[in-house]
Amino acid sequence: MTLLTFRFAPSPNGELHLGHAYSALLNRQMAAQAGGRLLLRIEDIDITRCTPEFEAGIFRDLEWLGLHWERPVRRQSEHFAEYQAALDRLIAEELVYPAFMSRGEIRAFIAETGKRGRDWPHDPDGVPLYPSLDKALPARERKRRIAENMPFAWRLDIETAMARVSAGLSWAEFTDETMSATRAIEAQPQDWGDVIVARRDIPTSYHLAVVLDDALQGVSHVVRGQDLYSATGVQRLLQELLGLPQPRYFHHRLILGPDGRKLSKSFKDTGLAALRQAGMSPRDIRRLIGF
């Protein structure tokens, strides 16, 4: 019998806060209830912001909370070759294209469109969709720009990608922490437009790395915050395109700050290290987050 596998996957680009504590403790609880495994994964593809100091802080905070996990820990920065192989496959199948427009060019294009009375579409996070004019560039022009080291990102051609998958793309979502019932959620990856799947200097993005990591680690249950609910549609699409297994999902409630917004690593007063230094105990933390 295959053990159910859960994972907690923070990024070492800041200190863990109360929201991370809730997600980590919930993953541990659900794994224990299911008699399953709990993995810790370090999502450090952002090599400019992620540091060894923040990573050490993650281990320190989780150990203080009383969490234990299997070793060795998977670090995304050690697996760029695996992500590159998946990216090469998407390139070969013409599912992605090099996108050269800068942020300034995107803003200017959208502003000009607005002058003509057209409302530009936005993704679920409120970010304007990429104009995707680069899809019309001839192959020769693309190669010339790449050869001249023009900055670009690999973007998923959402229209082509959706045409490759079977109808009725969905995912299985648990209705609560007991995992006693699930419901089918219709995936809407097209709401995100032509999302970035890799950078020129880093052969992956969050979306591409997370689906590969979950598959390679045998993750059966993804338990994470409600803020990633809509992004699941993009990840389900990538799983289908790459022939990866589909985990089951549970998107838990968010721990909000005093202003009602979701917590950020920039909110020092809700950081676990600061709360520990202020004299709080792990029991105080659990009570504070209603756990």
C-alpha atoms as a PDB file:
ATOM      1  CA  MET A   1       0.000   0.000   0.000  1.00  0.00           C
ATOM      2  CA  THR A   2       1.399   3.414  -1.006  1.00  0.00           C
ATOM      3  CA  LEU A   3       1.666   5.922   1.827  1.00  0.00           C
ATOM      4  CA  LEU A   4      -0.088   9.240   1.358  1.00  0.00           C
ATOM      5  CA  THR A   5       2.495  12.005   1.018  1.00  0.00           C
ATOM      6  CA  PHE A   6       2.114  15.622   2.120  1.00  0.00           C
ATOM      7  CA  ARG A   7       4.607  18.468   1.829  1.00  0.00           C
ATOM      8  CA  PHE A   8       5.310  21.886   3.276  1.00  0.00           C
ATOM      9  CA  ALA A   9       7.237  23.988   0.749  1.00  0.00           C
ATOM     10  CA  PRO A  10       8.376  27.437   1.932  1.00  0.00           C
ATOM     11  CA  SER A  11      10.693  29.812   0.085  1.00  0.00           C
ATOM     12  CA  PRO A  12      13.774  31.063   1.975  1.00  0.00           C
ATOM     13  CA  ASN A  13      13.304  34.680   0.893  1.00  0.00           C
ATOM     14  CA  GLY A  14      12.207  35.942   4.299  1.00  0.00           C
ATOM     15  CA  GLU A  15      11.235  34.771   7.765  1.00  0.00           C
ATOM     16  CA  LEU A  16       8.316  32.422   8.354  1.00  0.00           C
ATOM     17  CA  HIS A  17       5.193  34.023   9.818  1.00  0.00           C
ATOM     18  CA  LEU A  18       1.966  32.858  11.449  1.00  0.00           C
ATOM     19  CA  GLY A  19       0.472  31.854   8.104  1.00  0.00           C
ATOM     20  CA  HIS A  20       3.372  29.513   7.463  1.00  0.00           C
ATOM     21  CA  ALA A  21       2.979  28.056  10.955  1.00  0.00           C
ATOM     22  CA  TYR A  22      -0.675  27.282  10.266  1.00  0.00           C
ATOM     23  CA  SER A  23       0.092  25.609   6.923  1.00  0.00           C
ATOM     24  CA  ALA A  24       2.984  23.559   8.320  1.00  0.00           C
ATOM     25  CA  LEU A  25       1.009  22.387  11.362  1.00  0.00           C
ATOM     26  CA  LEU A  26      -2.032  21.557   9.220  1.00  0.00           C
ATOM     27  CA  ASN A  27       0.096  19.482   6.853  1.00  0.00           C
ATOM     28  CA  ARG A  28       1.549  17.612   9.809  1.00  0.00           C
ATOM     29  CA  GLN A  29      -1.883  16.994  11.300  1.00  0.00           C
ATOM     30  CA  MET A  30      -3.422  15.750   8.066  1.00  0.00           C
ATOM     31  CA  ALA A  31      -0.425  13.525   7.335  1.00  0.00           C
ATOM     32  CA  ALA A  32      -0.627  12.029  10.827  1.00  0.00           C
ATOM     33  CA  GLN A  33      -4.379  11.427  10.547  1.00  0.00           C
ATOM     34  CA  ALA A  34      -3.852   9.645   7.234  1.00  0.00           C
ATOM     35  CA  GLY A  35      -0.855   7.663   8.478  1.00  0.00           C
ATOM     36  CA  GLY A  36       1.179   9.324   5.760  1.00  0.00           C
ATOM     37  CA  ARG A  37       4.504  11.090   5.216  1.00  0.00           C
ATOM     38  CA  LEU A  38       5.407  14.756   5.638  1.00  0.00           C
ATOM     39  CA  LEU A  39       8.117  16.220   3.407  1.00  0.00           C
ATOM     40  CA  LEU A  40       9.833  19.581   3.647  1.00  0.00           C
ATOM     41  CA  ARG A  41      10.814  21.183   0.355  1.00  0.00           C
ATOM     42  CA  ILE A  42      12.841  24.373  -0.005  1.00  0.00           C
ATOM     43  CA  GLU A  43      11.531  26.372  -2.971  1.00  0.00           C
ATOM     44  CA  ASP A  44      14.586  28.499  -3.733  1.00  0.00           C
ATOM     45  CA  ILE A  45      14.521  29.036  -7.496  1.00  0.00           C
ATOM     46  CA  ASP A  46      14.658  32.798  -6.850  1.00  0.00           C
ATOM     47  CA  ILE A  47      18.419  32.808  -6.430  1.00  0.00           C
ATOM     48  CA  THR A  48      18.564  36.597  -5.957  1.00  0.00           C
ATOM     49  CA  ARG A  49      16.249  36.737  -2.915  1.00  0.00           C
ATOM     50  CA  CYS A  50      16.663  33.309  -1.310  1.00  0.00           C
ATOM     51  CA  THR A  51      19.558  33.018   1.156  1.00  0.00           C
ATOM     52  CA  PRO A  52      21.146  30.316   3.356  1.00  0.00           C
ATOM     53  CA  GLU A  53      20.363  32.493   6.375  1.00  0.00           C
ATOM     54  CA  PHE A  54      16.625  32.452   5.659  1.00  0.00           C
ATOM     55  CA  GLU A  55      16.791  28.704   5.004  1.00  0.00           C
ATOM     56  CA  ALA A  56      18.459  28.136   8.366  1.00  0.00           C
ATOM     57  CA  GLY A  57      15.699  30.233   9.917  1.00  0.00           C
ATOM     58  CA  ILE A  58      13.054  27.953   8.380  1.00  0.00           C
ATOM     59  CA  PHE A  59      14.625  24.871   9.961  1.00  0.00           C
ATOM     60  CA  ARG A  60      14.966  26.661  13.298  1.00  0.00           C
ATOM     61  CA  ASP A  61      11.344  27.870  13.340  1.00  0.00           C
ATOM     62  CA  LEU A  62       9.878  24.508  12.299  1.00  0.00           C
ATOM     63  CA  GLU A  63      11.926  22.598  14.869  1.00  0.00           C
ATOM     64  CA  TRP A  64      10.782  25.072  17.519  1.00  0.00           C
ATOM     65  CA  LEU A  65       7.167  24.367  16.536  1.00  0.00           C
ATOM     66  CA  GLY A  66       7.884  20.659  17.038  1.00  0.00           C
ATOM     67  CA  LEU A  67       7.760  19.572  13.396  1.00  0.00           C
ATOM     68  CA  HIS A  68       9.757  16.666  12.016  1.00  0.00           C
ATOM     69  CA  TRP A  69      10.214  15.735   8.371  1.00  0.00           C
ATOM     70  CA  GLU A  70      11.967  13.234   6.157  1.00  0.00           C
ATOM     71  CA  ARG A  71      15.497  13.865   4.980  1.00  0.00           C
ATOM     72  CA  PRO A  72      17.183  14.724   2.735  1.00  0.00           C
ATOM     73  CA  VAL A  73      15.305  17.934   2.044  1.00  0.00           C
ATOM     74  CA  ARG A  74      14.734  18.716  -1.635  1.00  0.00           C
ATOM     75  CA  ARG A  75      16.075  22.116  -2.703  1.00  0.00           C
ATOM     76  CA  GLN A  76      14.833  23.358  -6.034  1.00  0.00           C
ATOM     77  CA  SER A  77      18.124  25.118  -6.784  1.00  0.00           C
ATOM     78  CA  GLU A  78      19.797  21.694  -6.943  1.00  0.00           C
ATOM     79  CA  HIS A  79      17.468  20.412  -9.673  1.00  0.00           C
ATOM     80  CA  PHE A  80      17.644  22.935 -12.502  1.00  0.00           C
ATOM     81  CA  ALA A  81      18.635  20.155 -14.928  1.00  0.00           C
ATOM     82  CA  GLU A  82      15.304  18.392 -14.314  1.00  0.00           C
ATOM     83  CA  TYR A  83      13.368  21.598 -14.926  1.00  0.00           C
ATOM     84  CA  GLN A  84      15.421  22.282 -18.064  1.00  0.00           C
ATOM     85  CA  ALA A  85      14.508  18.855 -19.448  1.00  0.00           C
ATOM     86  CA  ALA A  86      10.801  19.582 -18.961  1.00  0.00           C
ATOM     87  CA  LEU A  87      11.192  23.048 -20.501  1.00  0.00           C
ATOM     88  CA  ASP A  88      13.010  21.562 -23.508  1.00  0.00           C
ATOM     89  CA  ARG A  89      10.073  19.242 -24.020  1.00  0.00           C
ATOM     90  CA  LEU A  90       7.603  22.137 -23.980  1.00  0.00           C
ATOM     91  CA  ILE A  91       9.803  24.041 -26.435  1.00  0.00           C
ATOM     92  CA  ALA A  92      10.080  21.040 -28.770  1.00  0.00           C
ATOM     93  CA  GLU A  93       6.306  20.609 -28.738  1.00  0.00           C
ATOM     94  CA  GLU A  94       5.850  24.347 -29.499  1.00  0.00           C
ATOM     95  CA  LEU A  95       3.803  24.887 -26.349  1.00  0.00           C
ATOM     96  CA  VAL A  96       5.907  27.856 -25.214  1.00  0.00           C
ATOM     97  CA  TYR A  97       7.422  30.866 -26.947  1.00  0.00           C
ATOM     98  CA  PRO A  98      10.092  33.458 -26.055  1.00  0.00           C
ATOM     99  CA  ALA A  99       8.423  36.676 -24.867  1.00  0.00           C
ATOM    100  CA  PHE A 100      10.545  39.831 -25.215  1.00  0.00           C
ATOM    101  CA  MET A 101       8.264  42.665 -24.105  1.00  0.00           C
ATOM    102  CA  SER A 102       9.517  44.606 -21.086  1.00  0.00           C
ATOM    103  CA  ARG A 103       7.211  45.790 -18.317  1.00  0.00           C
ATOM    104  CA  GLY A 104       7.371  49.303 -19.745  1.00  0.00           C
ATOM    105  CA  GLU A 105       6.423  48.069 -23.196  1.00  0.00           C
ATOM    106  CA  ILE A 106       3.547  46.077 -21.751  1.00  0.00           C
ATOM    107  CA  ARG A 107       2.233  49.117 -19.870  1.00  0.00           C
ATOM    108  CA  ALA A 108       2.531  51.304 -22.962  1.00  0.00           C
ATOM    109  CA  PHE A 109       0.713  48.780 -25.146  1.00  0.00           C
ATOM    110  CA  ILE A 110      -2.115  48.395 -22.636  1.00  0.00           C
ATOM    111  CA  ALA A 111      -2.396  52.174 -22.206  1.00  0.00           C
ATOM    112  CA  GLU A 112      -2.678  52.634 -25.968  1.00  0.00           C
ATOM    113  CA  THR A 113      -5.345  49.931 -26.101  1.00  0.00           C
ATOM    114  CA  GLY A 114      -7.244  51.765 -23.359  1.00  0.00           C
ATOM    115  CA  LYS A 115      -7.260  54.935 -25.451  1.00  0.00           C
ATOM    116  CA  ARG A 116      -9.191  52.999 -28.078  1.00  0.00           C
ATOM    117  CA  GLY A 117     -11.866  52.186 -25.520  1.00  0.00           C
ATOM    118  CA  ARG A 118     -10.904  48.580 -24.806  1.00  0.00           C
ATOM    119  CA  ASP A 119     -10.644  47.233 -21.266  1.00  0.00           C
ATOM    120  CA  TRP A 120      -7.567  45.052 -20.934  1.00  0.00           C
ATOM    121  CA  PRO A 121      -8.134  41.686 -19.211  1.00  0.00           C
ATOM    122  CA  HIS A 122      -6.455  40.888 -15.883  1.00  0.00           C
ATOM    123  CA  ASP A 123      -5.515  37.615 -14.218  1.00  0.00           C
ATOM    124  CA  PRO A 124      -7.058  36.442 -10.893  1.00  0.00           C
ATOM    125  CA  ASP A 125      -4.336  38.368  -9.013  1.00  0.00           C
ATOM    126  CA  GLY A 126      -5.264  41.581 -10.812  1.00  0.00           C
ATOM    127  CA  VAL A 127      -2.193  41.674 -13.068  1.00  0.00           C
ATOM    128  CA  PRO A 128      -2.763  42.608 -16.734  1.00  0.00           C
ATOM    129  CA  LEU A 129      -2.478  39.647 -19.091  1.00  0.00           C
ATOM    130  CA  TYR A 130       0.566  39.543 -21.340  1.00  0.00           C
ATOM    131  CA  PRO A 131      -0.220  40.978 -24.806  1.00  0.00           C
ATOM    132  CA  SER A 132       1.470  37.951 -26.429  1.00  0.00           C
ATOM    133  CA  LEU A 133       2.397  39.844 -29.584  1.00  0.00           C
ATOM    134  CA  ASP A 134       5.614  37.828 -29.655  1.00  0.00           C
ATOM    135  CA  LYS A 135       3.702  34.747 -30.774  1.00  0.00           C
ATOM    136  CA  ALA A 136       3.525  36.298 -34.249  1.00  0.00           C
ATOM    137  CA  LEU A 137       7.309  36.761 -34.532  1.00  0.00           C
ATOM    138  CA  PRO A 138       8.930  34.637 -37.261  1.00  0.00           C
ATOM    139  CA  ALA A 139      11.328  31.949 -36.041  1.00  0.00           C
ATOM    140  CA  ARG A 140      14.234  33.771 -37.670  1.00  0.00           C
ATOM    141  CA  GLU A 141      13.486  36.954 -35.711  1.00  0.00           C
ATOM    142  CA  ARG A 142      13.182  35.026 -32.447  1.00  0.00           C
ATOM    143  CA  LYS A 143      16.569  33.409 -33.004  1.00  0.00           C
ATOM    144  CA  ARG A 144      18.134  36.766 -33.846  1.00  0.00           C
ATOM    145  CA  ARG A 145      16.886  38.369 -30.641  1.00  0.00           C
ATOM    146  CA  ILE A 146      18.001  35.432 -28.519  1.00  0.00           C
ATOM    147  CA  ALA A 147      21.424  35.444 -30.186  1.00  0.00           C
ATOM    148  CA  GLU A 148      21.744  39.157 -29.375  1.00  0.00           C
ATOM    149  CA  ASN A 149      21.032  38.384 -25.696  1.00  0.00           C
ATOM    150  CA  MET A 150      17.781  40.296 -25.565  1.00  0.00           C
ATOM    151  CA  PRO A 151      16.016  39.633 -22.228  1.00  0.00           C
ATOM    152  CA  PHE A 152      13.080  37.258 -22.532  1.00  0.00           C
ATOM    153  CA  ALA A 153      10.958  34.748 -20.675  1.00  0.00           C
ATOM    154  CA  TRP A 154       9.426  31.501 -21.899  1.00  0.00           C
ATOM    155  CA  ARG A 155       5.640  31.862 -21.790  1.00  0.00           C
ATOM    156  CA  LEU A 156       3.056  29.135 -22.165  1.00  0.00           C
ATOM    157  CA  ASP A 157       0.957  29.483 -25.290  1.00  0.00           C
ATOM    158  CA  ILE A 158      -2.301  29.011 -23.430  1.00  0.00           C
ATOM    159  CA  GLU A 159      -4.463  28.678 -26.546  1.00  0.00           C
ATOM    160  CA  THR A 160      -2.279  25.939 -28.027  1.00  0.00           C
ATOM    161  CA  ALA A 161      -1.874  24.223 -24.665  1.00  0.00           C
ATOM    162  CA  MET A 162      -5.609  24.109 -24.001  1.00  0.00           C
ATOM    163  CA  ALA A 163      -6.157  22.598 -27.437  1.00  0.00           C
ATOM    164  CA  ARG A 164      -3.777  19.743 -26.555  1.00  0.00           C
ATOM    165  CA  VAL A 165      -5.593  18.562 -23.428  1.00  0.00           C
ATOM    166  CA  SER A 166      -8.823  16.671 -23.105  1.00  0.00           C
ATOM    167  CA  ALA A 167     -12.016  18.559 -22.400  1.00  0.00           C
ATOM    168  CA  GLY A 168     -13.143  19.058 -18.832  1.00  0.00           C
ATOM    169  CA  LEU A 169      -9.813  19.842 -17.180  1.00  0.00           C
ATOM    170  CA  SER A 170     -10.398  19.760 -13.413  1.00  0.00           C
ATOM    171  CA  TRP A 171      -8.887  18.905 -10.069  1.00  0.00           C
ATOM    172  CA  ALA A 172     -10.041  17.074  -6.939  1.00  0.00           C
ATOM    173  CA  GLU A 173     -10.423  19.399  -3.935  1.00  0.00           C
ATOM    174  CA  PHE A 174     -11.052  18.240  -0.371  1.00  0.00           C
ATOM    175  CA  THR A 175     -13.945  20.063   1.217  1.00  0.00           C
ATOM    176  CA  ASP A 176     -12.367  20.198   4.695  1.00  0.00           C
ATOM    177  CA  GLU A 177      -9.414  19.072   6.808  1.00  0.00           C
ATOM    178  CA  THR A 178     -10.928  15.657   7.524  1.00  0.00           C
ATOM    179  CA  MET A 179     -10.410  14.585   3.888  1.00  0.00           C
ATOM    180  CA  SER A 180     -13.764  12.825   4.119  1.00  0.00           C
ATOM    181  CA  ALA A 181     -15.224  14.321   0.952  1.00  0.00           C
ATOM    182  CA  THR A 182     -13.989  15.826  -2.282  1.00  0.00           C
ATOM    183  CA  ARG A 183     -15.482  17.867  -5.066  1.00  0.00           C
ATOM    184  CA  ALA A 184     -14.416  18.350  -8.659  1.00  0.00           C
ATOM    185  CA  ILE A 185     -13.257  21.888  -9.487  1.00  0.00           C
ATOM    186  CA  GLU A 186     -13.246  23.067 -13.097  1.00  0.00           C
ATOM    187  CA  ALA A 187      -9.792  24.358 -13.959  1.00  0.00           C
ATOM    188  CA  GLN A 188      -9.630  27.725 -15.734  1.00  0.00           C
ATOM    189  CA  PRO A 189      -5.963  28.134 -16.705  1.00  0.00           C
ATOM    190  CA  GLN A 190      -6.941  30.486 -19.519  1.00  0.00           C
ATOM    191  CA  ASP A 191      -7.781  33.109 -16.867  1.00  0.00           C
ATOM    192  CA  TRP A 192      -4.022  33.590 -16.401  1.00  0.00           C
ATOM    193  CA  GLY A 193      -3.199  34.134 -20.058  1.00  0.00           C
ATOM    194  CA  ASP A 194       0.256  33.190 -21.336  1.00  0.00           C
ATOM    195  CA  VAL A 195       1.960  32.649 -17.977  1.00  0.00           C
ATOM    196  CA  ILE A 196       5.733  32.531 -17.545  1.00  0.00           C
ATOM    197  CA  VAL A 197       7.076  28.986 -17.220  1.00  0.00           C
ATOM    198  CA  ALA A 198      10.801  29.820 -17.276  1.00  0.00           C
ATOM    199  CA  ARG A 199      13.296  32.669 -17.427  1.00  0.00           C
ATOM    200  CA  ARG A 200      16.289  32.906 -19.707  1.00  0.00           C
ATOM    201  CA  ASP A 201      18.706  32.582 -16.782  1.00  0.00           C
ATOM    202  CA  ILE A 202      16.584  30.207 -14.662  1.00  0.00           C
ATOM    203  CA  PRO A 203      15.005  27.291 -16.590  1.00  0.00           C
ATOM    204  CA  THR A 204      11.814  27.226 -14.559  1.00  0.00           C
ATOM    205  CA  SER A 205       9.133  29.187 -12.732  1.00  0.00           C
ATOM    206  CA  TYR A 206       7.031  28.448  -9.679  1.00  0.00           C
ATOM    207  CA  HIS A 207       4.355  26.735 -11.785  1.00  0.00           C
ATOM    208  CA  LEU A 208       6.729  24.436 -13.658  1.00  0.00           C
ATOM    209  CA  ALA A 209       8.915  23.595 -10.666  1.00  0.00           C
ATOM    210  CA  VAL A 210       6.056  22.797  -8.309  1.00  0.00           C
ATOM    211  CA  VAL A 211       4.350  20.278 -10.603  1.00  0.00           C
ATOM    212  CA  LEU A 212       7.643  18.517 -11.325  1.00  0.00           C
ATOM    213  CA  ASP A 213       8.632  18.464  -7.654  1.00  0.00           C
ATOM    214  CA  ASP A 214       5.277  17.080  -6.552  1.00  0.00           C
ATOM    215  CA  ALA A 215       5.468  14.343  -9.180  1.00  0.00           C
ATOM    216  CA  LEU A 216       9.099  13.392  -8.512  1.00  0.00           C
ATOM    217  CA  GLN A 217       8.519  13.329  -4.748  1.00  0.00           C
ATOM    218  CA  GLY A 218       5.337  11.310  -5.027  1.00  0.00           C
ATOM    219  CA  VAL A 219       3.219  13.989  -3.348  1.00  0.00           C
ATOM    220  CA  SER A 220      -0.350  12.721  -3.190  1.00  0.00           C
ATOM    221  CA  HIS A 221      -1.953  15.592  -1.233  1.00  0.00           C
ATOM    222  CA  VAL A 222      -1.177  19.283  -1.680  1.00  0.00           C
ATOM    223  CA  VAL A 223      -2.306  21.319   1.337  1.00  0.00           C
ATOM    224  CA  ARG A 224      -1.671  25.052   0.919  1.00  0.00           C
ATOM    225  CA  GLY A 225      -3.255  28.494   1.285  1.00  0.00           C
ATOM    226  CA  GLN A 226      -6.386  29.774  -0.408  1.00  0.00           C
ATOM    227  CA  ASP A 227      -4.267  32.384  -2.193  1.00  0.00           C
ATOM    228  CA  LEU A 228      -3.002  29.622  -4.522  1.00  0.00           C
ATOM    229  CA  TYR A 229      -6.463  28.243  -5.325  1.00  0.00           C
ATOM    230  CA  SER A 230      -6.789  29.833  -8.791  1.00  0.00           C
ATOM    231  CA  ALA A 231      -3.184  29.003  -9.718  1.00  0.00           C
ATOM    232  CA  THR A 232      -4.048  25.318  -9.453  1.00  0.00           C
ATOM    233  CA  GLY A 233      -5.672  25.545 -12.884  1.00  0.00           C
ATOM    234  CA  VAL A 234      -2.343  26.435 -14.521  1.00  0.00           C
ATOM    235  CA  GLN A 235      -0.593  23.633 -12.644  1.00  0.00           C
ATOM    236  CA  ARG A 236      -3.216  21.094 -13.657  1.00  0.00           C
ATOM    237  CA  LEU A 237      -2.693  22.109 -17.274  1.00  0.00           C
ATOM    238  CA  LEU A 238       1.067  21.607 -16.986  1.00  0.00           C
ATOM    239  CA  GLN A 239       0.509  18.218 -15.348  1.00  0.00           C
ATOM    240  CA  GLU A 240      -1.620  17.155 -18.294  1.00  0.00           C
ATOM    241  CA  LEU A 241       0.862  18.462 -20.875  1.00  0.00           C
ATOM    242  CA  LEU A 242       3.801  16.695 -19.203  1.00  0.00           C
ATOM    243  CA  GLY A 243       1.945  13.481 -18.329  1.00  0.00           C
ATOM    244  CA  LEU A 244       2.366  13.979 -14.578  1.00  0.00           C
ATOM    245  CA  PRO A 245       0.095  12.466 -11.897  1.00  0.00           C
ATOM    246  CA  GLN A 246      -2.572  14.662 -10.329  1.00  0.00           C
ATOM    247  CA  PRO A 247      -2.430  15.149  -6.546  1.00  0.00           C
ATOM    248  CA  ARG A 248      -5.501  15.906  -4.492  1.00  0.00           C
ATOM    249  CA  TYR A 249      -5.724  19.461  -3.177  1.00  0.00           C
ATOM    250  CA  PHE A 250      -6.901  21.303  -0.104  1.00  0.00           C
ATOM    251  CA  HIS A 251      -6.644  25.098  -0.006  1.00  0.00           C
ATOM    252  CA  HIS A 252      -6.896  26.151   3.610  1.00  0.00           C
ATOM    253  CA  ARG A 253      -7.998  29.450   5.121  1.00  0.00           C
ATOM    254  CA  LEU A 254      -5.484  32.271   5.370  1.00  0.00           C
ATOM    255  CA  ILE A 255      -4.204  33.851   8.558  1.00  0.00           C
ATOM    256  CA  LEU A 256      -4.859  37.559   8.172  1.00  0.00           C
ATOM    257  CA  GLY A 257      -3.060  40.537   9.650  1.00  0.00           C
ATOM    258  CA  PRO A 258      -4.641  43.292  11.772  1.00  0.00           C
ATOM    259  CA  ASP A 259      -5.560  45.170   8.592  1.00  0.00           C
ATOM    260  CA  GLY A 260      -7.447  42.170   7.209  1.00  0.00           C
ATOM    261  CA  ARG A 261      -4.893  41.397   4.515  1.00  0.00           C
ATOM    262  CA  LYS A 262      -3.003  38.125   4.160  1.00  0.00           C
ATOM    263  CA  LEU A 263       0.292  38.017   5.981  1.00  0.00           C
ATOM    264  CA  SER A 264       3.557  38.833   4.233  1.00  0.00           C
ATOM    265  CA  LYS A 265       7.163  38.079   5.117  1.00  0.00           C
ATOM    266  CA  SER A 266       7.627  41.834   5.393  1.00  0.00           C
ATOM    267  CA  PHE A 267       5.294  41.897   8.422  1.00  0.00           C
ATOM    268  CA  LYS A 268       7.935  41.524  11.112  1.00  0.00           C
ATOM    269  CA  ASP A 269       5.446  41.571  13.997  1.00  0.00           C
ATOM    270  CA  THR A 270       3.933  38.265  12.846  1.00  0.00           C
ATOM    271  CA  GLY A 271       7.270  36.577  12.122  1.00  0.00           C
ATOM    272  CA  LEU A 272       7.850  33.417  14.133  1.00  0.00           C
ATOM    273  CA  ALA A 273      11.381  34.428  15.118  1.00  0.00           C
ATOM    274  CA  ALA A 274      10.174  37.772  16.472  1.00  0.00           C
ATOM    275  CA  LEU A 275       7.300  36.156  18.363  1.00  0.00           C
ATOM    276  CA  ARG A 276       9.677  33.595  19.857  1.00  0.00           C
ATOM    277  CA  GLN A 277      12.058  36.334  20.949  1.00  0.00           C
ATOM    278  CA  ALA A 278       9.111  38.160  22.514  1.00  0.00           C
ATOM    279  CA  GLY A 279       8.572  35.161  24.790  1.00  0.00           C
ATOM    280  CA  MET A 280       5.820  33.268  22.997  1.00  0.00           C
ATOM    281  CA  SER A 281       5.773  29.478  23.161  1.00  0.00           C
ATOM    282  CA  PRO A 282       4.735  27.015  20.428  1.00  0.00           C
ATOM    283  CA  ARG A 283       1.494  26.523  22.366  1.00  0.00           C
ATOM    284  CA  ASP A 284       0.883  30.284  22.235  1.00  0.00           C
ATOM    285  CA  ILE A 285       1.406  30.208  18.469  1.00  0.00           C
ATOM    286  CA  ARG A 286      -1.103  27.390  17.995  1.00  0.00           C
ATOM    287  CA  ARG A 287      -3.661  29.254  20.072  1.00  0.00           C
ATOM    288  CA  LEU A 288      -3.008  32.486  18.184  1.00  0.00           C
ATOM    289  CA  ILE A 289      -3.782  30.861  14.823  1.00  0.00           C
ATOM    290  CA  GLY A 290      -6.769  28.895  16.140  1.00  0.00           C
ATOM    291  CA  PHE A 291      -5.083  25.563  15.719  1.00  0.00           C
END
